[in-house]
PDB file of N, CA and C in Angstrom:
ATOM      1  N   PRO A   1      23.420   5.198  -5.091  1.00  0.00           N
ATOM      2  CA  PRO A   1      24.660   5.980  -5.307  1.00  0.00           C
ATOM      3  C   PRO A   1      24.555   7.410  -4.996  1.00  0.00           C
ATOM      4  N   GLY A   2      23.404   8.024  -5.267  1.00  0.00           N
ATOM      5  CA  GLY A   2      23.225   9.436  -4.934  1.00  0.00           C
ATOM      6  C   GLY A   2      24.406  10.317  -5.446  1.00  0.00           C
ATOM      7  N   ALA A   3      24.958  11.086  -4.529  1.00  0.00           N
ATOM      8  CA  ALA A   3      26.004  12.005  -4.904  1.00  0.00           C
ATOM      9  C   ALA A   3      27.267  11.355  -5.413  1.00  0.00           C
ATOM     10  N   ALA A   4      27.463  10.098  -5.026  1.00  0.00           N
ATOM     11  CA  ALA A   4      28.675   9.349  -5.485  1.00  0.00           C
ATOM     12  C   ALA A   4      28.682   9.222  -6.965  1.00  0.00           C
ATOM     13  N   ALA A   5      27.572   9.306  -7.654  1.00  0.00           N
ATOM     14  CA  ALA A   5      27.556   9.141  -9.094  1.00  0.00           C
ATOM     15  C   ALA A   5      28.255  10.282  -9.812  1.00  0.00           C
ATOM     16  N   ALA A   6      28.482  11.388  -9.188  1.00  0.00           N
ATOM     17  CA  ALA A   6      29.239  12.508  -9.786  1.00  0.00           C
ATOM     18  C   ALA A   6      30.706  12.222  -9.854  1.00  0.00           C
ATOM     19  N   TRP A   7      31.208  11.272  -9.060  1.00  0.00           N
ATOM     20  CA  TRP A   7      32.637  11.043  -8.935  1.00  0.00           C
ATOM     21  C   TRP A   7      33.107   9.662  -9.468  1.00  0.00           C
ATOM     22  N   SER A   8      32.133   8.854  -9.845  1.00  0.00           N
ATOM     23  CA  SER A   8      32.573   7.533 -10.320  1.00  0.00           C
ATOM     24  C   SER A   8      31.672   7.144 -11.517  1.00  0.00           C
ATOM     25  N   PRO A   9      32.147   6.195 -12.288  1.00  0.00           N
ATOM     26  CA  PRO A   9      31.376   5.774 -13.468  1.00  0.00           C
ATOM     27  C   PRO A   9      29.964   5.227 -13.130  1.00  0.00           C
ATOM     28  N   THR A  10      29.019   5.488 -14.001  1.00  0.00           N
ATOM     29  CA  THR A  10      27.674   4.946 -13.848  1.00  0.00           C
ATOM     30  C   THR A  10      27.262   4.239 -15.109  1.00  0.00           C
ATOM     31  N   ALA A  11      27.972   3.202 -15.443  1.00  0.00           N
ATOM     32  CA  ALA A  11      27.645   2.459 -16.679  1.00  0.00           C
ATOM     33  C   ALA A  11      26.210   1.940 -16.677  1.00  0.00           C
ATOM     34  N   TRP A  12      25.660   1.716 -15.514  1.00  0.00           N
ATOM     35  CA  TRP A  12      24.286   1.213 -15.396  1.00  0.00           C
ATOM     36  C   TRP A  12      23.241   2.272 -15.723  1.00  0.00           C
ATOM     37  N   SER A  13      23.642   3.527 -15.670  1.00  0.00           N
ATOM     38  CA  SER A  13      22.774   4.666 -16.035  1.00  0.00           C
ATOM     39  C   SER A  13      23.509   5.903 -16.343  1.00  0.00           C
ATOM     40  N   LEU A  14      23.927   6.030 -17.605  1.00  0.00           N
ATOM     41  CA  LEU A  14      24.734   7.178 -18.032  1.00  0.00           C
ATOM     42  C   LEU A  14      23.986   8.525 -17.810  1.00  0.00           C
ATOM     43  N   PRO A  15      22.694   8.602 -18.152  1.00  0.00           N
ATOM     44  CA  PRO A  15      21.982   9.872 -17.871  1.00  0.00           C
ATOM     45  C   PRO A  15      21.952  10.264 -16.390  1.00  0.00           C
ATOM     46  N   TYR A  16      21.832   9.294 -15.495  1.00  0.00           N
ATOM     47  CA  TYR A  16      21.864   9.547 -14.062  1.00  0.00           C
ATOM     48  C   TYR A  16      23.168  10.193 -13.664  1.00  0.00           C
ATOM     49  N   GLY A  17      24.277   9.542 -14.074  1.00  0.00           N
ATOM     50  CA  GLY A  17      25.612  10.102 -13.702  1.00  0.00           C
ATOM     51  C   GLY A  17      25.846  11.440 -14.320  1.00  0.00           C
ATOM     52  N   ALA A  18      25.449  11.631 -15.547  1.00  0.00           N
ATOM     53  CA  ALA A  18      25.621  12.948 -16.230  1.00  0.00           C
ATOM     54  C   ALA A  18      24.824  14.038 -15.512  1.00  0.00           C
ATOM     55  N   ALA A  19      23.635  13.685 -15.038  1.00  0.00           N
ATOM     56  CA  ALA A  19      22.817  14.696 -14.298  1.00  0.00           C
ATOM     57  C   ALA A  19      23.499  15.087 -13.040  1.00  0.00           C
ATOM     58  N   LYS A  20      24.139  14.131 -12.300  1.00  0.00           N
ATOM     59  CA  LYS A  20      24.795  14.438 -11.066  1.00  0.00           C
ATOM     60  C   LYS A  20      25.990  15.372 -11.290  1.00  0.00           C
ATOM     61  N   VAL A  21      26.751  15.094 -12.320  1.00  0.00           N
ATOM     62  CA  VAL A  21      27.921  15.936 -12.700  1.00  0.00           C
ATOM     63  C   VAL A  21      27.422  17.323 -13.103  1.00  0.00           C
ATOM     64  N   ALA A  22      26.304  17.401 -13.818  1.00  0.00           N
ATOM     65  CA  ALA A  22      25.753  18.703 -14.241  1.00  0.00           C
ATOM     66  C   ALA A  22      25.351  19.574 -13.065  1.00  0.00           C
ATOM     67  N   VAL A  23      24.895  18.970 -11.973  1.00  0.00           N
ATOM     68  CA  VAL A  23      24.552  19.743 -10.771  1.00  0.00           C
ATOM     69  C   VAL A  23      25.783  20.378 -10.197  1.00  0.00           C
ATOM     70  N   HIS A  24      26.880  19.676 -10.140  1.00  0.00           N
ATOM     71  CA  HIS A  24      28.137  20.250  -9.644  1.00  0.00           C
ATOM     72  C   HIS A  24      28.579  21.418 -10.500  1.00  0.00           C
ATOM     73  N   HIS A  25      28.488  21.203 -11.824  1.00  0.00           N
ATOM     74  CA  HIS A  25      28.876  22.274 -12.785  1.00  0.00           C
ATOM     75  C   HIS A  25      27.983  23.509 -12.592  1.00  0.00           C
ATOM     76  N   LEU A  26      26.697  23.245 -12.438  1.00  0.00           N
ATOM     77  CA  LEU A  26      25.737  24.373 -12.244  1.00  0.00           C
ATOM     78  C   LEU A  26      26.076  25.182 -10.979  1.00  0.00           C
ATOM     79  N   VAL A  27      26.325  24.522  -9.888  1.00  0.00           N
ATOM     80  CA  VAL A  27      26.628  25.236  -8.631  1.00  0.00           C
ATOM     81  C   VAL A  27      27.889  26.038  -8.814  1.00  0.00           C
ATOM     82  N   ARG A  28      28.956  25.462  -9.357  1.00  0.00           N
ATOM     83  CA  ARG A  28      30.217  26.198  -9.555  1.00  0.00           C
ATOM     84  C   ARG A  28      30.057  27.359 -10.536  1.00  0.00           C
ATOM     85  N   SER A  29      29.255  27.161 -11.563  1.00  0.00           N
ATOM     86  CA  SER A  29      29.014  28.223 -12.566  1.00  0.00           C
ATOM     87  C   SER A  29      28.234  29.359 -11.946  1.00  0.00           C
ATOM     88  N   LEU A  30      27.269  29.062 -11.104  1.00  0.00           N
ATOM     89  CA  LEU A  30      26.482  30.087 -10.428  1.00  0.00           C
ATOM     90  C   LEU A  30      27.404  30.929  -9.508  1.00  0.00           C
ATOM     91  N   ALA A  31      28.351  30.269  -8.885  1.00  0.00           N
ATOM     92  CA  ALA A  31      29.241  30.970  -7.973  1.00  0.00           C
ATOM     93  C   ALA A  31      30.125  31.956  -8.721  1.00  0.00           C
ATOM     94  N   GLU A  32      30.404  31.687  -9.983  1.00  0.00           N
ATOM     95  CA  GLU A  32      31.253  32.588 -10.785  1.00  0.00           C
ATOM     96  C   GLU A  32      30.476  33.578 -11.628  1.00  0.00           C
ATOM     97  N   SER A  33      29.128  33.497 -11.507  1.00  0.00           N
ATOM     98  CA  SER A  33      28.299  34.317 -12.391  1.00  0.00           C
ATOM     99  C   SER A  33      28.376  35.782 -12.019  1.00  0.00           C
ATOM    100  N   ASP A  34      28.492  36.617 -13.039  1.00  0.00           N
ATOM    101  CA  ASP A  34      28.459  38.097 -12.840  1.00  0.00           C
ATOM    102  C   ASP A  34      27.030  38.591 -12.685  1.00  0.00           C
ATOM    103  N   SER A  35      26.047  37.750 -13.000  1.00  0.00           N
ATOM    104  CA  SER A  35      24.693  38.187 -12.910  1.00  0.00           C
ATOM    105  C   SER A  35      24.094  38.083 -11.510  1.00  0.00           C
ATOM    106  N   LEU A  36      24.770  37.450 -10.570  1.00  0.00           N
ATOM    107  CA  LEU A  36      24.272  37.343  -9.206  1.00  0.00           C
ATOM    108  C   LEU A  36      24.794  38.532  -8.390  1.00  0.00           C
ATOM    109  N   PRO A  37      24.059  38.972  -7.400  1.00  0.00           N
ATOM    110  CA  PRO A  37      24.504  40.093  -6.555  1.00  0.00           C
ATOM    111  C   PRO A  37      25.808  39.789  -5.904  1.00  0.00           C
ATOM    112  N   SER A  38      26.606  40.836  -5.699  1.00  0.00           N
ATOM    113  CA  SER A  38      27.879  40.721  -5.022  1.00  0.00           C
ATOM    114  C   SER A  38      27.684  40.109  -3.620  1.00  0.00           C
ATOM    115  N   GLY A  39      28.524  39.202  -3.206  1.00  0.00           N
ATOM    116  CA  GLY A  39      28.459  38.595  -1.882  1.00  0.00           C
ATOM    117  C   GLY A  39      27.496  37.371  -1.828  1.00  0.00           C
ATOM    118  N   THR A  40      27.028  36.928  -2.967  1.00  0.00           N
ATOM    119  CA  THR A  40      26.065  35.801  -2.996  1.00  0.00           C
ATOM    120  C   THR A  40      26.794  34.532  -2.551  1.00  0.00           C
ATOM    121  N   LYS A  41      26.135  33.724  -1.717  1.00  0.00           N
ATOM    122  CA  LYS A  41      26.644  32.448  -1.328  1.00  0.00           C
ATOM    123  C   LYS A  41      25.965  31.407  -2.162  1.00  0.00           C
ATOM    124  N   THR A  42      26.726  30.492  -2.737  1.00  0.00           N
ATOM    125  CA  THR A  42      26.213  29.430  -3.556  1.00  0.00           C
ATOM    126  C   THR A  42      26.536  28.128  -2.894  1.00  0.00           C
ATOM    127  N   ILE A  43      25.518  27.345  -2.612  1.00  0.00           N
ATOM    128  CA  ILE A  43      25.738  26.043  -1.896  1.00  0.00           C
ATOM    129  C   ILE A  43      25.027  24.937  -2.645  1.00  0.00           C
ATOM    130  N   GLY A  44      25.712  23.819  -2.836  1.00  0.00           N
ATOM    131  CA  GLY A  44      25.103  22.679  -3.426  1.00  0.00           C
ATOM    132  C   GLY A  44      25.113  21.522  -2.418  1.00  0.00           C
ATOM    133  N   LEU A  45      23.999  20.845  -2.312  1.00  0.00           N
ATOM    134  CA  LEU A  45      23.927  19.679  -1.420  1.00  0.00           C
ATOM    135  C   LEU A  45      23.956  18.423  -2.275  1.00  0.00           C
ATOM    136  N   ALA A  46      24.768  17.452  -1.853  1.00  0.00           N
ATOM    137  CA  ALA A  46      24.883  16.256  -2.607  1.00  0.00           C
ATOM    138  C   ALA A  46      24.629  15.051  -1.680  1.00  0.00           C
ATOM    139  N   PRO A  47      23.389  14.736  -1.483  1.00  0.00           N
ATOM    140  CA  PRO A  47      23.093  13.597  -0.538  1.00  0.00           C
ATOM    141  C   PRO A  47      23.302  12.244  -1.220  1.00  0.00           C
ATOM    142  N   GLN A  48      23.699  11.295  -0.382  1.00  0.00           N
ATOM    143  CA  GLN A  48      23.715   9.917  -0.879  1.00  0.00           C
ATOM    144  C   GLN A  48      22.247   9.483  -0.981  1.00  0.00           C
ATOM    145  N   ILE A  49      21.528   9.672   0.101  1.00  0.00           N
ATOM    146  CA  ILE A  49      20.122   9.342   0.097  1.00  0.00           C
ATOM    147  C   ILE A  49      19.464  10.111   1.260  1.00  0.00           C
ATOM    148  N   LEU A  50      18.249  10.600   0.994  1.00  0.00           N
ATOM    149  CA  LEU A  50      17.513  11.293   2.070  1.00  0.00           C
ATOM    150  C   LEU A  50      16.392  10.424   2.570  1.00  0.00           C
ATOM    151  N   ASP A  51      16.043  10.603   3.816  1.00  0.00           N
ATOM    152  CA  ASP A  51      15.046   9.841   4.434  1.00  0.00           C
ATOM    153  C   ASP A  51      13.673  10.440   4.113  1.00  0.00           C
ATOM    154  N   THR A  52      13.057   9.953   3.093  1.00  0.00           N
ATOM    155  CA  THR A  52      11.717  10.418   2.696  1.00  0.00           C
ATOM    156  C   THR A  52      10.819   9.191   2.598  1.00  0.00           C
ATOM    157  N   GLU A  53       9.524   9.423   2.664  1.00  0.00           N
ATOM    158  CA  GLU A  53       8.545   8.358   2.558  1.00  0.00           C
ATOM    159  C   GLU A  53       8.698   7.628   1.245  1.00  0.00           C
ATOM    160  N   GLN A  54       8.925   8.331   0.154  1.00  0.00           N
ATOM    161  CA  GLN A  54       9.077   7.693  -1.146  1.00  0.00           C
ATOM    162  C   GLN A  54      10.290   6.714  -1.113  1.00  0.00           C
ATOM    163  N   ASN A  55      11.384   7.177  -0.575  1.00  0.00           N
ATOM    164  CA  ASN A  55      12.602   6.306  -0.503  1.00  0.00           C
ATOM    165  C   ASN A  55      12.341   5.090   0.390  1.00  0.00           C
ATOM    166  N   ARG A  56      11.634   5.287   1.489  1.00  0.00           N
ATOM    167  CA  ARG A  56      11.317   4.154   2.390  1.00  0.00           C
ATOM    168  C   ARG A  56      10.450   3.137   1.681  1.00  0.00           C
ATOM    169  N   GLN A  57       9.487   3.577   0.888  1.00  0.00           N
ATOM    170  CA  GLN A  57       8.609   2.717   0.121  1.00  0.00           C
ATOM    171  C   GLN A  57       9.368   1.977  -0.958  1.00  0.00           C
ATOM    172  N   ALA A  58      10.295   2.682  -1.611  1.00  0.00           N
ATOM    173  CA  ALA A  58      11.052   2.088  -2.698  1.00  0.00           C
ATOM    174  C   ALA A  58      12.121   1.086  -2.197  1.00  0.00           C
ATOM    175  N   MET A  59      12.618   1.310  -1.005  1.00  0.00           N
ATOM    176  CA  MET A  59      13.703   0.444  -0.433  1.00  0.00           C
ATOM    177  C   MET A  59      13.318  -0.012   1.003  1.00  0.00           C
ATOM    178  N   PRO A  60      12.300  -0.861   1.094  1.00  0.00           N
ATOM    179  CA  PRO A  60      11.795  -1.206   2.419  1.00  0.00           C
ATOM    180  C   PRO A  60      12.802  -1.980   3.260  1.00  0.00           C
ATOM    181  N   ASP A  61      13.792  -2.612   2.666  1.00  0.00           N
ATOM    182  CA  ASP A  61      14.761  -3.414   3.439  1.00  0.00           C
ATOM    183  C   ASP A  61      16.058  -2.648   3.766  1.00  0.00           C
ATOM    184  N   ALA A  62      16.125  -1.383   3.354  1.00  0.00           N
ATOM    185  CA  ALA A  62      17.339  -0.646   3.547  1.00  0.00           C
ATOM    186  C   ALA A  62      17.492  -0.186   5.012  1.00  0.00           C
ATOM    187  N   ASP A  63      18.736   0.105   5.408  1.00  0.00           N
ATOM    188  CA  ASP A  63      18.994   0.603   6.766  1.00  0.00           C
ATOM    189  C   ASP A  63      18.775   2.157   6.756  1.00  0.00           C
ATOM    190  N   VAL A  64      17.586   2.531   7.142  1.00  0.00           N
ATOM    191  CA  VAL A  64      17.232   3.975   7.095  1.00  0.00           C
ATOM    192  C   VAL A  64      18.007   4.792   8.113  1.00  0.00           C
ATOM    193  N   ASN A  65      18.727   4.126   9.038  1.00  0.00           N
ATOM    194  CA  ASN A  65      19.494   4.854  10.055  1.00  0.00           C
ATOM    195  C   ASN A  65      20.708   5.514   9.395  1.00  0.00           C
ATOM    196  N   THR A  66      21.018   5.161   8.132  1.00  0.00           N
ATOM    197  CA  THR A  66      22.169   5.791   7.450  1.00  0.00           C
ATOM    198  C   THR A  66      21.680   6.870   6.499  1.00  0.00           C
ATOM    199  N   TRP A  67      20.449   7.161   6.509  1.00  0.00           N
ATOM    200  CA  TRP A  67      19.882   8.223   5.649  1.00  0.00           C
ATOM    201  C   TRP A  67      19.737   9.520   6.408  1.00  0.00           C
ATOM    202  N   ALA A  68      20.142  10.602   5.815  1.00  0.00           N
ATOM    203  CA  ALA A  68      19.960  11.922   6.409  1.00  0.00           C
ATOM    204  C   ALA A  68      18.494  12.276   6.426  1.00  0.00           C
ATOM    205  N   SER A  69      18.034  12.803   7.547  1.00  0.00           N
ATOM    206  CA  SER A  69      16.636  13.209   7.647  1.00  0.00           C
ATOM    207  C   SER A  69      16.455  14.593   7.026  1.00  0.00           C
ATOM    208  N   LEU A  70      15.301  14.889   6.613  1.00  0.00           N
ATOM    209  CA  LEU A  70      15.025  16.260   6.042  1.00  0.00           C
ATOM    210  C   LEU A  70      15.183  17.326   7.092  1.00  0.00           C
ATOM    211  N   ASP A  71      14.948  16.986   8.395  1.00  0.00           N
ATOM    212  CA  ASP A  71      15.146  17.906   9.491  1.00  0.00           C
ATOM    213  C   ASP A  71      16.624  18.284   9.630  1.00  0.00           C
ATOM    214  N   GLU A  72      17.500  17.228   9.509  1.00  0.00           N
ATOM    215  CA  GLU A  72      18.951  17.436   9.619  1.00  0.00           C
ATOM    216  C   GLU A  72      19.405  18.380   8.473  1.00  0.00           C
ATOM    217  N   VAL A  73      18.927  18.143   7.287  1.00  0.00           N
ATOM    218  CA  VAL A  73      19.297  18.963   6.141  1.00  0.00           C
ATOM    219  C   VAL A  73      18.777  20.400   6.319  1.00  0.00           C
ATOM    220  N   ALA A  74      17.521  20.532   6.762  1.00  0.00           N
ATOM    221  CA  ALA A  74      16.939  21.854   6.945  1.00  0.00           C
ATOM    222  C   ALA A  74      17.682  22.660   7.975  1.00  0.00           C
ATOM    223  N   GLU A  75      18.086  21.997   9.086  1.00  0.00           N
ATOM    224  CA  GLU A  75      18.845  22.682  10.137  1.00  0.00           C
ATOM    225  C   GLU A  75      20.180  23.231   9.594  1.00  0.00           C
ATOM    226  N   GLN A  76      20.841  22.408   8.769  1.00  0.00           N
ATOM    227  CA  GLN A  76      22.133  22.816   8.193  1.00  0.00           C
ATOM    228  C   GLN A  76      21.966  23.960   7.242  1.00  0.00           C
ATOM    229  N   ILE A  77      20.917  23.931   6.404  1.00  0.00           N
ATOM    230  CA  ILE A  77      20.695  25.003   5.454  1.00  0.00           C
ATOM    231  C   ILE A  77      20.417  26.296   6.229  1.00  0.00           C
ATOM    232  N   GLU A  78      19.645  26.175   7.275  1.00  0.00           N
ATOM    233  CA  GLU A  78      19.333  27.379   8.136  1.00  0.00           C
ATOM    234  C   GLU A  78      20.642  27.977   8.692  1.00  0.00           C
ATOM    235  N   SER A  79      21.558  27.146   9.149  1.00  0.00           N
ATOM    236  CA  SER A  79      22.816  27.648   9.722  1.00  0.00           C
ATOM    237  C   SER A  79      23.674  28.314   8.588  1.00  0.00           C
ATOM    238  N   TRP A  80      23.675  27.751   7.413  1.00  0.00           N
ATOM    239  CA  TRP A  80      24.444  28.384   6.308  1.00  0.00           C
ATOM    240  C   TRP A  80      23.783  29.720   5.919  1.00  0.00           C
ATOM    241  N   CYS A  81      22.523  29.802   5.984  1.00  0.00           N
ATOM    242  CA  CYS A  81      21.831  31.068   5.620  1.00  0.00           C
ATOM    243  C   CYS A  81      22.145  32.184   6.670  1.00  0.00           C
ATOM    244  N   ALA A  82      22.345  31.725   7.917  1.00  0.00           N
ATOM    245  CA  ALA A  82      22.670  32.699   8.953  1.00  0.00           C
ATOM    246  C   ALA A  82      24.060  33.260   8.893  1.00  0.00           C
ATOM    247  N   ASP A  83      24.950  32.560   8.165  1.00  0.00           N
ATOM    248  CA  ASP A  83      26.340  32.979   7.964  1.00  0.00           C
ATOM    249  C   ASP A  83      26.433  33.879   6.716  1.00  0.00           C
ATOM    250  N   PRO A  84      26.780  35.149   6.872  1.00  0.00           N
ATOM    251  CA  PRO A  84      26.750  36.105   5.795  1.00  0.00           C
ATOM    252  C   PRO A  84      27.914  35.994   4.821  1.00  0.00           C
ATOM    253  N   SER A  85      28.891  35.163   5.127  1.00  0.00           N
ATOM    254  CA  SER A  85      30.108  35.112   4.230  1.00  0.00           C
ATOM    255  C   SER A  85      29.779  34.546   2.886  1.00  0.00           C
ATOM    256  N   PRO A  86      30.269  35.201   1.788  1.00  0.00           N
ATOM    257  CA  PRO A  86      29.980  34.691   0.442  1.00  0.00           C
ATOM    258  C   PRO A  86      30.914  33.519   0.162  1.00  0.00           C
ATOM    259  N   GLY A  87      30.629  32.861  -0.952  1.00  0.00           N
ATOM    260  CA  GLY A  87      31.492  31.758  -1.417  1.00  0.00           C
ATOM    261  C   GLY A  87      30.702  30.689  -2.079  1.00  0.00           C
ATOM    262  N   VAL A  88      31.403  29.623  -2.440  1.00  0.00           N
ATOM    263  CA  VAL A  88      30.790  28.477  -3.090  1.00  0.00           C
ATOM    264  C   VAL A  88      31.289  27.228  -2.372  1.00  0.00           C
ATOM    265  N   GLN A  89      30.369  26.331  -2.188  1.00  0.00           N
ATOM    266  CA  GLN A  89      30.745  25.084  -1.538  1.00  0.00           C
ATOM    267  C   GLN A  89      29.755  24.018  -1.973  1.00  0.00           C
ATOM    268  N   ILE A  90      30.221  22.831  -2.235  1.00  0.00           N
ATOM    269  CA  ILE A  90      29.358  21.667  -2.508  1.00  0.00           C
ATOM    270  C   ILE A  90      29.608  20.703  -1.332  1.00  0.00           C
ATOM    271  N   TYR A  91      28.569  20.372  -0.688  1.00  0.00           N
ATOM    272  CA  TYR A  91      28.630  19.531   0.521  1.00  0.00           C
ATOM    273  C   TYR A  91      28.060  18.145   0.219  1.00  0.00           C
ATOM    274  N   PHE A  92      28.823  17.136   0.588  1.00  0.00           N
ATOM    275  CA  PHE A  92      28.346  15.803   0.539  1.00  0.00           C
ATOM    276  C   PHE A  92      27.710  15.424   1.868  1.00  0.00           C
ATOM    277  N   ILE A  93      26.560  14.929   1.857  1.00  0.00           N
ATOM    278  CA  ILE A  93      25.853  14.544   3.092  1.00  0.00           C
ATOM    279  C   ILE A  93      26.186  13.087   3.384  1.00  0.00           C
ATOM    280  N   ASP A  94      26.747  12.870   4.565  1.00  0.00           N
ATOM    281  CA  ASP A  94      27.129  11.510   4.943  1.00  0.00           C
ATOM    282  C   ASP A  94      26.448  11.196   6.289  1.00  0.00           C
ATOM    283  N   LYS A  95      26.061   9.996   6.472  1.00  0.00           N
ATOM    284  CA  LYS A  95      25.444   9.626   7.768  1.00  0.00           C
ATOM    285  C   LYS A  95      25.769   8.169   8.065  1.00  0.00           C
ATOM    286  N   LYS A  96      26.300   7.972   9.266  1.00  0.00           N
ATOM    287  CA  LYS A  96      26.571   6.639   9.772  1.00  0.00           C
ATOM    288  C   LYS A  96      25.424   6.232  10.656  1.00  0.00           C
ATOM    289  N   SER A  97      25.166   4.967  10.716  1.00  0.00           N
ATOM    290  CA  SER A  97      24.016   4.451  11.497  1.00  0.00           C
ATOM    291  C   SER A  97      24.157   4.925  12.954  1.00  0.00           C
ATOM    292  N   GLY A  98      23.073   5.559  13.428  1.00  0.00           N
ATOM    293  CA  GLY A  98      23.017   6.016  14.812  1.00  0.00           C
ATOM    294  C   GLY A  98      23.679   7.381  15.064  1.00  0.00           C
ATOM    295  N   TRP A  99      24.223   8.005  14.055  1.00  0.00           N
ATOM    296  CA  TRP A  99      24.939   9.271  14.200  1.00  0.00           C
ATOM    297  C   TRP A  99      24.130  10.355  13.483  1.00  0.00           C
ATOM    298  N   LYS A 100      24.419  11.591  13.814  1.00  0.00           N
ATOM    299  CA  LYS A 100      23.838  12.743  13.141  1.00  0.00           C
ATOM    300  C   LYS A 100      24.510  12.888  11.740  1.00  0.00           C
ATOM    301  N   ALA A 101      23.753  13.370  10.775  1.00  0.00           N
ATOM    302  CA  ALA A 101      24.356  13.542   9.439  1.00  0.00           C
ATOM    303  C   ALA A 101      25.492  14.574   9.487  1.00  0.00           C
ATOM    304  N   THR A 102      26.512  14.364   8.653  1.00  0.00           N
ATOM    305  CA  THR A 102      27.608  15.316   8.507  1.00  0.00           C
ATOM    306  C   THR A 102      27.580  15.916   7.132  1.00  0.00           C
ATOM    307  N   PHE A 103      28.083  17.098   6.992  1.00  0.00           N
ATOM    308  CA  PHE A 103      28.064  17.853   5.710  1.00  0.00           C
ATOM    309  C   PHE A 103      29.526  18.136   5.412  1.00  0.00           C
ATOM    310  N   GLU A 104      30.123  17.405   4.510  1.00  0.00           N
ATOM    311  CA  GLU A 104      31.545  17.514   4.223  1.00  0.00           C
ATOM    312  C   GLU A 104      31.770  18.204   2.880  1.00  0.00           C
ATOM    313  N   ALA A 105      32.633  19.264   2.915  1.00  0.00           N
ATOM    314  CA  ALA A 105      32.926  19.975   1.664  1.00  0.00           C
ATOM    315  C   ALA A 105      33.894  19.152   0.863  1.00  0.00           C
TER     316      ALA A 105
END
């Protein structure tokens, strides 16, 4: 479920769902914080699943072509850091098999 747990019930694991919602609250709260420097950009990433060795071992039969690679995520973070405009955004990472990952606000 990854990021989807923040938007739908997680009766199978209430702490998991609560933690996902808490991340969204944390990002939005940081964006409104008076303690951060003026012009600070606050970004939250909400992946469904990332392509890591641990995930591959835990889910050997999964279609890894739908998982965002760490390189794709790193490239996107680098481009956000290059943009000086302030603001807050939470991005859901989505990837279709055979396509590059997308970052949707």
